[in-house]
Amino acid sequence: DPTIPTIVVGVNRKSYHPPIDIVSNASCTTNCLAPLAKVLEGAFGIEWGMMTTVHASTSSQPILDGYSRKSRRLGRGVGSNIIPTTTGAAKAVSLVLPELAGRFTGISIRVPVNNVSMVDLTVSLKNPIASKEELLRPLREAAAGTLPNAAGPLSNVIAVNDDELVSSDFIGWSQSCVVDSAATTVLNSTTAKVVCWYDNEWAYSVRILDLIKYMHSVDTGL
């Protein structure tokens, strides 16, 4: 429903105000991608972005090959296949960051793991960077809560991990966007790939609670 506002904590939560009584918290993937896009847009500007989410299996997928109303691929057994499909996350970014409308696209790759997913974002930057560490600097500042002009508590939303971890290591992490510094790469001064992990169950649940608490604070003035 286009009349229902989409709100992502750390990105546009201040757009909530009474008498709004129904909101969308977007998807777990959008909650990873949107804060990342906001930081990169603010620090460097984004010409365009292409995103792949390597996504854990979900309850909508069958264990054995069967039928799916959505697509033939999604009817295939989740336990033994890598399944390309669509995602609305890239398009949803423009709902919370209108300045990026028309500049993002993406796909989803469903993989046979139970939990924890990944966003692989390739971006073309407007302002050049000299190194990967320069690219990571505003993300580290966001994780530390020291990023200037941040829209909300990004330290609860973004983290930067420098260890060589794998997907199961991120189960239970409450941040929606955990930047993998080792997997992040820079091709040239304006083209980079940023890799981020997210617990698509727990972290998303925490963001819903964060949004509910914020809405309550606005409604009550507390």
N, C-alpha and C. Protein backbone atom coordinates (compact mmCIF):
# COMPACT_ATOMS: atom_id res chain seq x y z
N ASP A 1 0.85 -1.18 0.00
CA ASP A 1 0.00 0.00 0.00
C ASP A 1 0.89 1.24 0.00
N PRO A 2 0.86 2.04 -1.07
CA PRO A 2 1.74 3.21 -1.15
C PRO A 2 1.42 4.29 -0.12
N THR A 3 0.27 4.20 0.53
CA THR A 3 -0.07 5.20 1.54
C THR A 3 0.55 4.89 2.90
N ILE A 4 1.08 3.68 3.06
CA ILE A 4 1.71 3.30 4.32
C ILE A 4 3.19 3.65 4.26
N PRO A 5 3.68 4.51 5.15
CA PRO A 5 5.09 4.92 5.09
C PRO A 5 6.03 3.78 5.46
N THR A 6 7.17 3.73 4.78
CA THR A 6 8.22 2.77 5.09
C THR A 6 9.28 3.46 5.92
N ILE A 7 9.62 2.89 7.06
CA ILE A 7 10.58 3.50 7.98
C ILE A 7 11.65 2.49 8.33
N VAL A 8 12.91 2.90 8.18
CA VAL A 8 14.05 2.08 8.56
C VAL A 8 14.83 2.82 9.64
N VAL A 9 15.00 2.18 10.77
CA VAL A 9 15.71 2.79 11.90
C VAL A 9 17.14 3.13 11.48
N GLY A 10 17.57 4.35 11.83
CA GLY A 10 18.90 4.80 11.45
C GLY A 10 18.94 5.49 10.11
N VAL A 11 17.81 5.47 9.39
CA VAL A 11 17.77 6.07 8.06
C VAL A 11 16.74 7.20 7.99
N ASN A 12 15.48 6.89 8.31
CA ASN A 12 14.44 7.91 8.17
C ASN A 12 13.39 7.82 9.27
N ARG A 13 13.77 7.39 10.46
CA ARG A 13 12.77 7.20 11.51
C ARG A 13 12.07 8.50 11.89
N LYS A 14 12.73 9.64 11.68
CA LYS A 14 12.12 10.91 12.03
C LYS A 14 10.96 11.29 11.12
N SER A 15 10.75 10.50 10.07
CA SER A 15 9.59 10.75 9.21
C SER A 15 8.30 10.27 9.87
N TYR A 16 8.43 9.53 10.97
CA TYR A 16 7.23 9.10 11.69
C TYR A 16 6.69 10.24 12.54
N HIS A 17 5.37 10.41 12.50
CA HIS A 17 4.72 11.41 13.34
C HIS A 17 3.24 11.04 13.45
N PRO A 18 2.61 11.35 14.57
CA PRO A 18 1.17 11.15 14.69
C PRO A 18 0.45 12.03 13.66
N PRO A 19 -0.69 11.64 13.14
CA PRO A 19 -1.53 10.52 13.54
C PRO A 19 -1.26 9.22 12.77
N ILE A 20 -0.08 9.06 12.19
CA ILE A 20 0.23 7.80 11.50
C ILE A 20 0.08 6.65 12.49
N ASP A 21 -0.66 5.62 12.09
CA ASP A 21 -0.85 4.49 13.00
C ASP A 21 -0.42 3.15 12.40
N ILE A 22 -0.11 3.13 11.11
CA ILE A 22 0.40 1.92 10.47
C ILE A 22 1.66 2.28 9.69
N VAL A 23 2.74 1.55 9.92
CA VAL A 23 3.98 1.78 9.18
C VAL A 23 4.53 0.43 8.72
N SER A 24 5.42 0.49 7.74
CA SER A 24 6.16 -0.69 7.31
C SER A 24 7.60 -0.54 7.77
N ASN A 25 8.16 -1.61 8.33
CA ASN A 25 9.57 -1.62 8.72
C ASN A 25 10.44 -2.18 7.61
N ALA A 26 9.90 -2.28 6.40
CA ALA A 26 10.61 -2.83 5.24
C ALA A 26 11.03 -4.27 5.51
N SER A 27 12.00 -4.76 4.79
CA SER A 27 12.45 -6.15 4.93
C SER A 27 13.78 -6.21 5.67
N CYS A 28 14.18 -7.41 6.03
CA CYS A 28 15.48 -7.58 6.68
C CYS A 28 16.60 -7.14 5.75
N THR A 29 16.46 -7.38 4.45
CA THR A 29 17.50 -6.99 3.50
C THR A 29 17.55 -5.48 3.34
N THR A 30 16.39 -4.83 3.28
CA THR A 30 16.37 -3.37 3.20
C THR A 30 16.98 -2.75 4.45
N ASN A 31 16.77 -3.37 5.60
CA ASN A 31 17.36 -2.86 6.84
C ASN A 31 18.87 -3.01 6.87
N CYS A 32 19.41 -3.88 6.03
CA CYS A 32 20.87 -3.95 5.86
C CYS A 32 21.34 -2.95 4.82
N LEU A 33 20.66 -2.93 3.69
CA LEU A 33 21.10 -2.12 2.55
C LEU A 33 20.91 -0.63 2.76
N ALA A 34 19.78 -0.21 3.31
CA ALA A 34 19.47 1.22 3.41
C ALA A 34 20.45 1.99 4.31
N PRO A 35 20.79 1.51 5.51
CA PRO A 35 21.78 2.24 6.31
C PRO A 35 23.14 2.32 5.62
N LEU A 36 23.53 1.24 4.95
CA LEU A 36 24.78 1.24 4.19
C LEU A 36 24.75 2.29 3.10
N ALA A 37 23.65 2.31 2.33
CA ALA A 37 23.52 3.29 1.26
C ALA A 37 23.50 4.71 1.79
N LYS A 38 22.84 4.92 2.93
CA LYS A 38 22.78 6.26 3.51
C LYS A 38 24.16 6.78 3.87
N VAL A 39 24.97 5.93 4.49
CA VAL A 39 26.32 6.35 4.89
C VAL A 39 27.17 6.65 3.66
N LEU A 40 27.14 5.76 2.67
CA LEU A 40 27.95 5.97 1.46
C LEU A 40 27.48 7.19 0.68
N GLU A 41 26.17 7.39 0.59
CA GLU A 41 25.65 8.57 -0.11
C GLU A 41 26.08 9.84 0.60
N GLY A 42 26.01 9.84 1.92
CA GLY A 42 26.40 11.03 2.67
C GLY A 42 27.88 11.33 2.59
N ALA A 43 28.70 10.29 2.56
CA ALA A 43 30.16 10.49 2.58
C ALA A 43 30.74 10.74 1.20
N PHE A 44 30.24 10.05 0.19
CA PHE A 44 30.87 10.11 -1.13
C PHE A 44 29.92 10.43 -2.28
N GLY A 45 28.62 10.23 -2.07
CA GLY A 45 27.67 10.31 -3.16
C GLY A 45 27.68 9.02 -3.97
N ILE A 46 26.51 8.58 -4.41
CA ILE A 46 26.40 7.33 -5.17
C ILE A 46 25.81 7.62 -6.54
N GLU A 47 26.54 7.25 -7.59
CA GLU A 47 26.01 7.34 -8.95
C GLU A 47 25.00 6.23 -9.20
N TRP A 48 25.37 5.01 -8.85
CA TRP A 48 24.48 3.87 -8.99
C TRP A 48 24.95 2.75 -8.07
N GLY A 49 24.05 1.82 -7.80
CA GLY A 49 24.40 0.67 -6.99
C GLY A 49 23.71 -0.58 -7.51
N MET A 50 24.45 -1.70 -7.51
CA MET A 50 23.90 -3.00 -7.91
C MET A 50 24.12 -3.97 -6.76
N MET A 51 23.03 -4.55 -6.26
CA MET A 51 23.08 -5.34 -5.04
C MET A 51 22.67 -6.79 -5.31
N THR A 52 23.42 -7.71 -4.70
CA THR A 52 23.01 -9.11 -4.63
C THR A 52 22.90 -9.48 -3.17
N THR A 53 21.75 -10.00 -2.77
CA THR A 53 21.64 -10.55 -1.43
C THR A 53 21.74 -12.07 -1.52
N VAL A 54 22.73 -12.62 -0.85
CA VAL A 54 22.86 -14.07 -0.72
C VAL A 54 22.07 -14.42 0.53
N HIS A 55 20.87 -14.95 0.32
CA HIS A 55 19.87 -14.99 1.39
C HIS A 55 19.62 -16.40 1.89
N ALA A 56 19.55 -16.52 3.21
CA ALA A 56 19.19 -17.80 3.82
C ALA A 56 17.81 -18.24 3.36
N SER A 57 17.57 -19.52 3.41
CA SER A 57 16.26 -20.04 3.04
C SER A 57 15.19 -19.53 4.01
N THR A 58 13.95 -19.47 3.53
CA THR A 58 12.85 -19.00 4.36
C THR A 58 11.72 -20.03 4.35
N SER A 59 10.75 -19.82 5.20
CA SER A 59 9.65 -20.78 5.36
C SER A 59 8.76 -20.86 4.13
N SER A 60 8.88 -19.89 3.23
CA SER A 60 8.06 -19.92 2.01
C SER A 60 8.58 -20.92 0.99
N GLN A 61 9.78 -21.44 1.21
CA GLN A 61 10.39 -22.34 0.23
C GLN A 61 10.19 -23.81 0.63
N PRO A 62 9.90 -24.67 -0.35
CA PRO A 62 9.67 -26.08 -0.04
C PRO A 62 10.98 -26.84 0.20
N ILE A 63 10.91 -27.87 1.01
CA ILE A 63 12.06 -28.73 1.23
C ILE A 63 12.36 -29.57 -0.01
N LEU A 64 11.30 -30.09 -0.65
CA LEU A 64 11.43 -30.88 -1.86
C LEU A 64 10.87 -30.10 -3.04
N ASP A 65 11.29 -30.48 -4.24
CA ASP A 65 10.76 -29.82 -5.44
C ASP A 65 9.24 -29.87 -5.44
N GLY A 66 8.65 -28.73 -5.77
CA GLY A 66 7.20 -28.65 -5.79
C GLY A 66 6.74 -27.49 -6.66
N TYR A 67 5.65 -26.87 -6.25
CA TYR A 67 5.04 -25.81 -7.04
C TYR A 67 5.07 -24.50 -6.27
N SER A 68 5.40 -23.42 -6.97
CA SER A 68 5.35 -22.08 -6.39
C SER A 68 4.55 -21.18 -7.32
N ARG A 69 3.62 -20.44 -6.75
CA ARG A 69 2.84 -19.49 -7.54
C ARG A 69 3.69 -18.33 -8.03
N LYS A 70 4.76 -18.03 -7.28
CA LYS A 70 5.56 -16.85 -7.60
C LYS A 70 6.49 -17.10 -8.78
N SER A 71 7.19 -18.23 -8.77
CA SER A 71 8.09 -18.54 -9.88
C SER A 71 8.44 -20.02 -9.85
N ARG A 72 8.83 -20.53 -11.00
CA ARG A 72 9.20 -21.94 -11.10
C ARG A 72 10.41 -22.24 -10.22
N ARG A 73 11.35 -21.33 -10.19
CA ARG A 73 12.57 -21.55 -9.42
C ARG A 73 12.27 -21.69 -7.93
N LEU A 74 11.36 -20.86 -7.42
CA LEU A 74 11.07 -20.90 -5.99
C LEU A 74 10.31 -22.15 -5.58
N GLY A 75 9.88 -22.94 -6.56
CA GLY A 75 9.26 -24.21 -6.25
C GLY A 75 10.26 -25.34 -6.07
N ARG A 76 11.52 -25.06 -6.35
CA ARG A 76 12.54 -26.10 -6.23
C ARG A 76 12.97 -26.28 -4.78
N GLY A 77 13.45 -27.48 -4.47
CA GLY A 77 13.81 -27.80 -3.10
C GLY A 77 14.92 -26.93 -2.56
N VAL A 78 14.70 -26.35 -1.38
CA VAL A 78 15.63 -25.37 -0.83
C VAL A 78 16.91 -26.02 -0.30
N GLY A 79 16.84 -27.30 0.05
CA GLY A 79 17.98 -27.92 0.71
C GLY A 79 19.13 -28.29 -0.20
N SER A 80 18.89 -28.31 -1.52
CA SER A 80 19.93 -28.79 -2.42
C SER A 80 20.15 -27.89 -3.63
N ASN A 81 19.69 -26.65 -3.55
CA ASN A 81 19.81 -25.75 -4.69
C ASN A 81 20.23 -24.34 -4.28
N ILE A 82 20.93 -23.67 -5.19
CA ILE A 82 21.15 -22.23 -5.12
C ILE A 82 20.14 -21.62 -6.08
N ILE A 83 19.27 -20.75 -5.56
CA ILE A 83 18.09 -20.34 -6.32
C ILE A 83 18.07 -18.83 -6.55
N PRO A 84 18.26 -18.38 -7.80
CA PRO A 84 18.12 -16.95 -8.10
C PRO A 84 16.65 -16.54 -8.05
N THR A 85 16.38 -15.38 -7.50
CA THR A 85 15.02 -14.87 -7.47
C THR A 85 15.05 -13.35 -7.36
N THR A 86 13.90 -12.76 -7.25
CA THR A 86 13.82 -11.30 -7.18
C THR A 86 13.90 -10.83 -5.73
N THR A 87 14.16 -9.55 -5.58
CA THR A 87 14.10 -8.91 -4.27
C THR A 87 13.59 -7.49 -4.45
N GLY A 88 12.79 -7.05 -3.50
CA GLY A 88 12.30 -5.67 -3.54
C GLY A 88 13.16 -4.72 -2.74
N ALA A 89 14.27 -5.22 -2.18
CA ALA A 89 15.07 -4.41 -1.28
C ALA A 89 15.69 -3.20 -1.96
N ALA A 90 16.22 -3.39 -3.17
CA ALA A 90 16.87 -2.27 -3.86
C ALA A 90 15.86 -1.17 -4.18
N LYS A 91 14.66 -1.58 -4.62
CA LYS A 91 13.62 -0.60 -4.91
C LYS A 91 13.14 0.08 -3.63
N ALA A 92 13.08 -0.68 -2.54
CA ALA A 92 12.60 -0.12 -1.27
C ALA A 92 13.54 0.94 -0.72
N VAL A 93 14.80 0.91 -1.12
CA VAL A 93 15.74 1.93 -0.67
C VAL A 93 15.24 3.32 -1.04
N SER A 94 14.64 3.44 -2.23
CA SER A 94 14.15 4.75 -2.67
C SER A 94 12.97 5.24 -1.84
N LEU A 95 12.29 4.33 -1.12
CA LEU A 95 11.19 4.74 -0.26
C LEU A 95 11.69 5.44 0.99
N VAL A 96 12.88 5.08 1.44
CA VAL A 96 13.44 5.69 2.65
C VAL A 96 14.55 6.68 2.32
N LEU A 97 15.10 6.58 1.12
CA LEU A 97 16.11 7.52 0.63
C LEU A 97 15.70 7.97 -0.77
N PRO A 98 14.73 8.88 -0.87
CA PRO A 98 14.21 9.28 -2.18
C PRO A 98 15.27 9.81 -3.13
N GLU A 99 16.34 10.35 -2.59
CA GLU A 99 17.40 10.89 -3.44
C GLU A 99 18.10 9.81 -4.25
N LEU A 100 17.92 8.55 -3.87
CA LEU A 100 18.55 7.44 -4.60
C LEU A 100 17.58 6.73 -5.54
N ALA A 101 16.42 7.29 -5.75
CA ALA A 101 15.41 6.67 -6.63
C ALA A 101 15.98 6.48 -8.03
N GLY A 102 15.79 5.29 -8.57
CA GLY A 102 16.24 4.98 -9.92
C GLY A 102 17.71 4.66 -10.04
N ARG A 103 18.42 4.63 -8.92
CA ARG A 103 19.87 4.39 -8.98
C ARG A 103 20.29 3.04 -8.41
N PHE A 104 19.33 2.25 -7.94
CA PHE A 104 19.64 0.95 -7.35
C PHE A 104 18.84 -0.16 -8.02
N THR A 105 19.48 -1.30 -8.17
CA THR A 105 18.79 -2.50 -8.61
C THR A 105 19.45 -3.69 -7.92
N GLY A 106 18.79 -4.85 -7.98
CA GLY A 106 19.39 -5.99 -7.30
C GLY A 106 18.62 -7.28 -7.51
N ILE A 107 19.25 -8.39 -7.12
CA ILE A 107 18.63 -9.70 -7.16
C ILE A 107 18.91 -10.41 -5.84
N SER A 108 18.20 -11.51 -5.63
CA SER A 108 18.41 -12.34 -4.45
C SER A 108 18.84 -13.73 -4.89
N ILE A 109 19.78 -14.31 -4.16
CA ILE A 109 20.21 -15.68 -4.38
C ILE A 109 19.90 -16.45 -3.10
N ARG A 110 18.92 -17.34 -3.15
CA ARG A 110 18.57 -18.14 -1.97
C ARG A 110 19.52 -19.33 -1.88
N VAL A 111 20.07 -19.55 -0.69
CA VAL A 111 21.04 -20.62 -0.49
C VAL A 111 20.60 -21.51 0.68
N PRO A 112 21.05 -22.77 0.70
CA PRO A 112 20.57 -23.71 1.72
C PRO A 112 21.27 -23.58 3.07
N VAL A 113 21.09 -22.43 3.71
CA VAL A 113 21.48 -22.26 5.11
C VAL A 113 20.25 -21.78 5.88
N ASN A 114 20.23 -22.04 7.18
CA ASN A 114 19.03 -21.75 7.97
C ASN A 114 18.87 -20.29 8.34
N ASN A 115 19.98 -19.60 8.53
CA ASN A 115 19.91 -18.22 9.02
C ASN A 115 21.20 -17.51 8.67
N VAL A 116 21.13 -16.21 8.62
CA VAL A 116 22.17 -15.23 8.30
C VAL A 116 22.33 -15.11 6.78
N SER A 117 22.24 -13.88 6.33
CA SER A 117 22.31 -13.55 4.91
C SER A 117 23.38 -12.49 4.68
N MET A 118 23.60 -12.16 3.43
CA MET A 118 24.67 -11.24 3.06
C MET A 118 24.19 -10.29 1.97
N VAL A 119 24.57 -9.03 2.08
CA VAL A 119 24.40 -8.06 1.00
C VAL A 119 25.75 -7.81 0.36
N ASP A 120 25.79 -7.97 -0.94
CA ASP A 120 26.98 -7.68 -1.75
C ASP A 120 26.62 -6.50 -2.63
N LEU A 121 27.12 -5.32 -2.29
CA LEU A 121 26.75 -4.08 -2.98
C LEU A 121 27.93 -3.53 -3.76
N THR A 122 27.76 -3.40 -5.07
CA THR A 122 28.74 -2.72 -5.91
C THR A 122 28.22 -1.32 -6.21
N VAL A 123 29.05 -0.32 -5.95
CA VAL A 123 28.63 1.07 -6.13
C VAL A 123 29.62 1.83 -6.99
N SER A 124 29.09 2.79 -7.72
CA SER A 124 29.91 3.80 -8.38
C SER A 124 29.76 5.09 -7.59
N LEU A 125 30.86 5.60 -7.08
CA LEU A 125 30.85 6.76 -6.20
C LEU A 125 31.02 8.05 -7.00
N LYS A 126 30.37 9.11 -6.54
CA LYS A 126 30.51 10.41 -7.19
C LYS A 126 31.86 11.05 -6.87
N ASN A 127 32.28 10.92 -5.61
CA ASN A 127 33.55 11.51 -5.18
C ASN A 127 34.60 10.42 -5.02
N PRO A 128 35.79 10.60 -5.59
CA PRO A 128 36.80 9.54 -5.58
C PRO A 128 37.37 9.27 -4.19
N ILE A 129 37.81 8.03 -4.01
CA ILE A 129 38.47 7.61 -2.78
C ILE A 129 39.88 7.15 -3.11
N ALA A 130 40.76 7.23 -2.12
CA ALA A 130 42.16 6.87 -2.34
C ALA A 130 42.48 5.45 -1.91
N SER A 131 41.62 4.84 -1.08
CA SER A 131 41.93 3.52 -0.54
C SER A 131 40.68 2.86 0.02
N LYS A 132 40.79 1.59 0.31
CA LYS A 132 39.67 0.88 0.95
C LYS A 132 39.41 1.45 2.33
N GLU A 133 40.45 1.81 3.04
CA GLU A 133 40.24 2.32 4.39
C GLU A 133 39.49 3.65 4.36
N GLU A 134 39.70 4.45 3.33
CA GLU A 134 38.93 5.68 3.20
C GLU A 134 37.45 5.36 2.98
N LEU A 135 37.18 4.31 2.22
CA LEU A 135 35.80 3.87 2.02
C LEU A 135 35.19 3.40 3.33
N LEU A 136 35.97 2.68 4.13
CA LEU A 136 35.46 2.12 5.37
C LEU A 136 35.34 3.15 6.49
N ARG A 137 36.05 4.27 6.38
CA ARG A 137 36.11 5.22 7.49
C ARG A 137 34.72 5.69 7.95
N PRO A 138 33.85 6.18 7.06
CA PRO A 138 32.53 6.63 7.55
C PRO A 138 31.69 5.48 8.10
N LEU A 139 31.92 4.27 7.63
CA LEU A 139 31.19 3.12 8.17
C LEU A 139 31.68 2.80 9.57
N ARG A 140 32.99 2.93 9.80
CA ARG A 140 33.52 2.74 11.15
C ARG A 140 33.00 3.84 12.08
N GLU A 141 32.91 5.06 11.57
CA GLU A 141 32.37 6.16 12.38
C GLU A 141 30.90 5.91 12.72
N ALA A 142 30.15 5.40 11.75
CA ALA A 142 28.74 5.09 12.01
C ALA A 142 28.63 4.02 13.09
N ALA A 143 29.48 3.01 13.00
CA ALA A 143 29.46 1.93 13.99
C ALA A 143 29.84 2.43 15.38
N ALA A 144 30.72 3.43 15.42
CA ALA A 144 31.17 3.98 16.70
C ALA A 144 30.24 5.06 17.23
N GLY A 145 29.26 5.47 16.42
CA GLY A 145 28.35 6.53 16.84
C GLY A 145 28.92 7.92 16.72
N THR A 146 29.97 8.07 15.89
CA THR A 146 30.62 9.38 15.77
C THR A 146 30.45 10.00 14.38
N LEU A 147 29.61 9.40 13.55
CA LEU A 147 29.41 9.93 12.21
C LEU A 147 28.63 11.23 12.27
N PRO A 148 29.17 12.33 11.71
CA PRO A 148 28.45 13.61 11.74
C PRO A 148 27.13 13.52 10.98
N ASN A 149 26.13 14.19 11.50
CA ASN A 149 24.83 14.32 10.84
C ASN A 149 24.11 12.99 10.63
N ALA A 150 24.40 12.00 11.45
CA ALA A 150 23.71 10.72 11.33
C ALA A 150 22.26 10.86 11.75
N ALA A 151 21.38 10.18 11.01
CA ALA A 151 19.94 10.27 11.30
C ALA A 151 19.54 9.13 12.22
N GLY A 152 19.86 9.26 13.49
CA GLY A 152 19.49 8.22 14.44
C GLY A 152 20.70 7.43 14.91
N PRO A 153 20.48 6.48 15.79
CA PRO A 153 21.56 5.73 16.45
C PRO A 153 22.14 4.65 15.55
N LEU A 154 23.01 5.03 14.64
CA LEU A 154 23.58 4.06 13.70
C LEU A 154 24.49 3.05 14.38
N SER A 155 25.00 3.37 15.56
CA SER A 155 25.87 2.42 16.25
C SER A 155 25.12 1.15 16.63
N ASN A 156 23.81 1.23 16.74
CA ASN A 156 23.00 0.03 17.01
C ASN A 156 22.66 -0.73 15.74
N VAL A 157 22.87 -0.09 14.60
CA VAL A 157 22.42 -0.63 13.32
C VAL A 157 23.58 -1.17 12.48
N ILE A 158 24.71 -0.45 12.51
CA ILE A 158 25.88 -0.80 11.70
C ILE A 158 27.03 -1.25 12.59
N ALA A 159 27.73 -2.27 12.15
CA ALA A 159 28.98 -2.70 12.79
C ALA A 159 29.99 -2.97 11.68
N VAL A 160 31.27 -2.95 12.04
CA VAL A 160 32.33 -3.32 11.11
C VAL A 160 33.11 -4.47 11.73
N ASN A 161 33.23 -5.55 10.99
CA ASN A 161 33.95 -6.73 11.48
C ASN A 161 35.24 -6.91 10.70
N ASP A 162 36.36 -7.03 11.42
CA ASP A 162 37.66 -7.20 10.79
C ASP A 162 38.17 -8.64 10.89
N ASP A 163 37.41 -9.52 11.51
CA ASP A 163 37.82 -10.92 11.65
C ASP A 163 37.34 -11.74 10.45
N GLU A 164 37.98 -12.87 10.23
CA GLU A 164 37.60 -13.75 9.12
C GLU A 164 36.51 -14.72 9.59
N LEU A 165 35.28 -14.22 9.66
CA LEU A 165 34.15 -15.00 10.13
C LEU A 165 33.33 -15.53 8.95
N VAL A 166 32.48 -16.50 9.24
CA VAL A 166 31.55 -17.04 8.24
C VAL A 166 30.12 -16.84 8.74
N SER A 167 29.16 -17.23 7.92
CA SER A 167 27.78 -16.84 8.19
C SER A 167 27.28 -17.24 9.58
N SER A 168 27.54 -18.46 10.01
CA SER A 168 27.00 -18.90 11.30
C SER A 168 27.56 -18.12 12.48
N ASP A 169 28.72 -17.48 12.28
CA ASP A 169 29.30 -16.69 13.36
C ASP A 169 28.48 -15.44 13.67
N PHE A 170 27.63 -15.04 12.73
CA PHE A 170 26.85 -13.82 12.92
C PHE A 170 25.45 -14.08 13.47
N ILE A 171 25.14 -15.33 13.76
CA ILE A 171 23.85 -15.63 14.39
C ILE A 171 23.79 -14.94 15.75
N GLY A 172 22.75 -14.17 15.97
CA GLY A 172 22.59 -13.47 17.24
C GLY A 172 23.12 -12.05 17.26
N TRP A 173 23.82 -11.63 16.19
CA TRP A 173 24.26 -10.23 16.13
C TRP A 173 23.02 -9.35 15.95
N SER A 174 22.94 -8.28 16.71
CA SER A 174 21.75 -7.43 16.67
C SER A 174 21.83 -6.32 15.63
N GLN A 175 23.03 -6.05 15.11
CA GLN A 175 23.14 -5.02 14.07
C GLN A 175 22.59 -5.55 12.75
N SER A 176 21.94 -4.68 12.01
CA SER A 176 21.33 -5.09 10.74
C SER A 176 22.30 -5.04 9.57
N CYS A 177 23.46 -4.43 9.76
CA CYS A 177 24.43 -4.27 8.68
C CYS A 177 25.83 -4.42 9.28
N VAL A 178 26.42 -5.60 9.13
CA VAL A 178 27.76 -5.86 9.67
C VAL A 178 28.73 -5.89 8.50
N VAL A 179 29.48 -4.82 8.33
CA VAL A 179 30.40 -4.69 7.20
C VAL A 179 31.57 -5.66 7.38
N ASP A 180 31.83 -6.45 6.34
CA ASP A 180 32.96 -7.37 6.33
C ASP A 180 34.13 -6.65 5.67
N SER A 181 35.05 -6.13 6.48
CA SER A 181 36.12 -5.30 5.93
C SER A 181 37.05 -6.10 5.03
N ALA A 182 37.27 -7.38 5.34
CA ALA A 182 38.18 -8.19 4.54
C ALA A 182 37.59 -8.49 3.16
N ALA A 183 36.28 -8.71 3.10
CA ALA A 183 35.63 -9.04 1.83
C ALA A 183 35.32 -7.80 0.99
N THR A 184 35.33 -6.63 1.61
CA THR A 184 35.08 -5.39 0.89
C THR A 184 36.29 -5.06 0.02
N THR A 185 36.05 -4.66 -1.22
CA THR A 185 37.14 -4.41 -2.16
C THR A 185 36.91 -3.10 -2.91
N VAL A 186 38.01 -2.53 -3.37
CA VAL A 186 37.97 -1.30 -4.17
C VAL A 186 38.63 -1.59 -5.52
N LEU A 187 37.91 -1.35 -6.61
CA LEU A 187 38.46 -1.57 -7.95
C LEU A 187 39.27 -0.39 -8.42
N ASN A 188 38.71 0.80 -8.27
CA ASN A 188 39.40 2.03 -8.63
C ASN A 188 38.86 3.15 -7.75
N SER A 189 39.16 4.38 -8.09
CA SER A 189 38.84 5.49 -7.20
C SER A 189 37.34 5.74 -7.03
N THR A 190 36.53 5.18 -7.94
CA THR A 190 35.08 5.43 -7.84
C THR A 190 34.23 4.16 -7.85
N THR A 191 34.85 3.00 -7.92
CA THR A 191 34.09 1.75 -7.98
C THR A 191 34.51 0.83 -6.84
N ALA A 192 33.53 0.38 -6.06
CA ALA A 192 33.84 -0.44 -4.89
C ALA A 192 32.75 -1.47 -4.66
N LYS A 193 33.12 -2.53 -3.97
CA LYS A 193 32.19 -3.57 -3.55
C LYS A 193 32.23 -3.65 -2.03
N VAL A 194 31.07 -3.48 -1.40
CA VAL A 194 30.96 -3.57 0.05
C VAL A 194 30.12 -4.79 0.40
N VAL A 195 30.67 -5.64 1.27
CA VAL A 195 30.00 -6.87 1.68
C VAL A 195 29.56 -6.74 3.13
N CYS A 196 28.30 -7.03 3.39
CA CYS A 196 27.74 -6.89 4.74
C CYS A 196 26.92 -8.13 5.10
N TRP A 197 27.01 -8.53 6.36
CA TRP A 197 26.24 -9.65 6.89
C TRP A 197 25.04 -9.14 7.69
N TYR A 198 24.02 -9.98 7.81
CA TYR A 198 22.91 -9.66 8.71
C TYR A 198 22.19 -10.94 9.12
N ASP A 199 21.88 -11.01 10.40
CA ASP A 199 21.02 -12.07 10.91
C ASP A 199 19.61 -11.71 10.51
N ASN A 200 19.10 -12.35 9.48
CA ASN A 200 17.82 -11.94 8.91
C ASN A 200 16.63 -12.24 9.81
N GLU A 201 16.85 -12.93 10.91
CA GLU A 201 15.78 -13.17 11.87
C GLU A 201 15.93 -12.27 13.10
N TRP A 202 17.02 -12.44 13.84
CA TRP A 202 17.18 -11.72 15.10
C TRP A 202 17.36 -10.22 14.90
N ALA A 203 18.29 -9.83 14.04
CA ALA A 203 18.55 -8.39 13.86
C ALA A 203 17.30 -7.67 13.37
N TYR A 204 16.56 -8.30 12.48
CA TYR A 204 15.33 -7.68 11.99
C TYR A 204 14.31 -7.52 13.12
N SER A 205 14.22 -8.52 13.98
CA SER A 205 13.31 -8.43 15.12
C SER A 205 13.70 -7.29 16.05
N VAL A 206 15.00 -7.11 16.25
CA VAL A 206 15.48 -6.01 17.10
C VAL A 206 15.11 -4.66 16.49
N ARG A 207 15.22 -4.55 15.16
CA ARG A 207 14.86 -3.28 14.51
C ARG A 207 13.37 -2.99 14.66
N ILE A 208 12.54 -4.02 14.59
CA ILE A 208 11.11 -3.81 14.81
C ILE A 208 10.86 -3.26 16.21
N LEU A 209 11.53 -3.83 17.19
CA LEU A 209 11.38 -3.34 18.57
C LEU A 209 11.90 -1.91 18.69
N ASP A 210 13.02 -1.62 18.04
CA ASP A 210 13.56 -0.25 18.06
C ASP A 210 12.55 0.74 17.50
N LEU A 211 11.91 0.36 16.40
CA LEU A 211 10.94 1.25 15.77
C LEU A 211 9.71 1.43 16.65
N ILE A 212 9.23 0.34 17.25
CA ILE A 212 8.07 0.45 18.14
C ILE A 212 8.38 1.36 19.32
N LYS A 213 9.56 1.21 19.90
CA LYS A 213 9.94 2.06 21.03
C LYS A 213 10.04 3.52 20.61
N TYR A 214 10.58 3.76 19.42
CA TYR A 214 10.67 5.14 18.94
C TYR A 214 9.29 5.73 18.71
N MET A 215 8.41 4.97 18.07
CA MET A 215 7.05 5.44 17.84
C MET A 215 6.35 5.76 19.15
N HIS A 216 6.56 4.91 20.15
CA HIS A 216 5.95 5.15 21.47
C HIS A 216 6.49 6.43 22.08
N SER A 217 7.80 6.66 21.94
CA SER A 217 8.38 7.87 22.52
C SER A 217 7.84 9.13 21.85
N VAL A 218 7.61 9.06 20.54
CA VAL A 218 7.04 10.20 19.83
C VAL A 218 5.58 10.40 20.24
N ASP A 219 4.84 9.31 20.31
CA ASP A 219 3.41 9.41 20.64
C ASP A 219 3.18 9.94 22.05
N THR A 220 4.06 9.58 22.97
CA THR A 220 3.87 9.96 24.38
C THR A 220 4.68 11.18 24.78
N GLY A 221 5.62 11.58 23.91
CA GLY A 221 6.48 12.71 24.25
C GLY A 221 7.52 12.39 25.29
N LEU A 222 7.80 11.10 25.50
CA LEU A 222 8.78 10.69 26.51
C LEU A 222 10.15 10.47 25.87
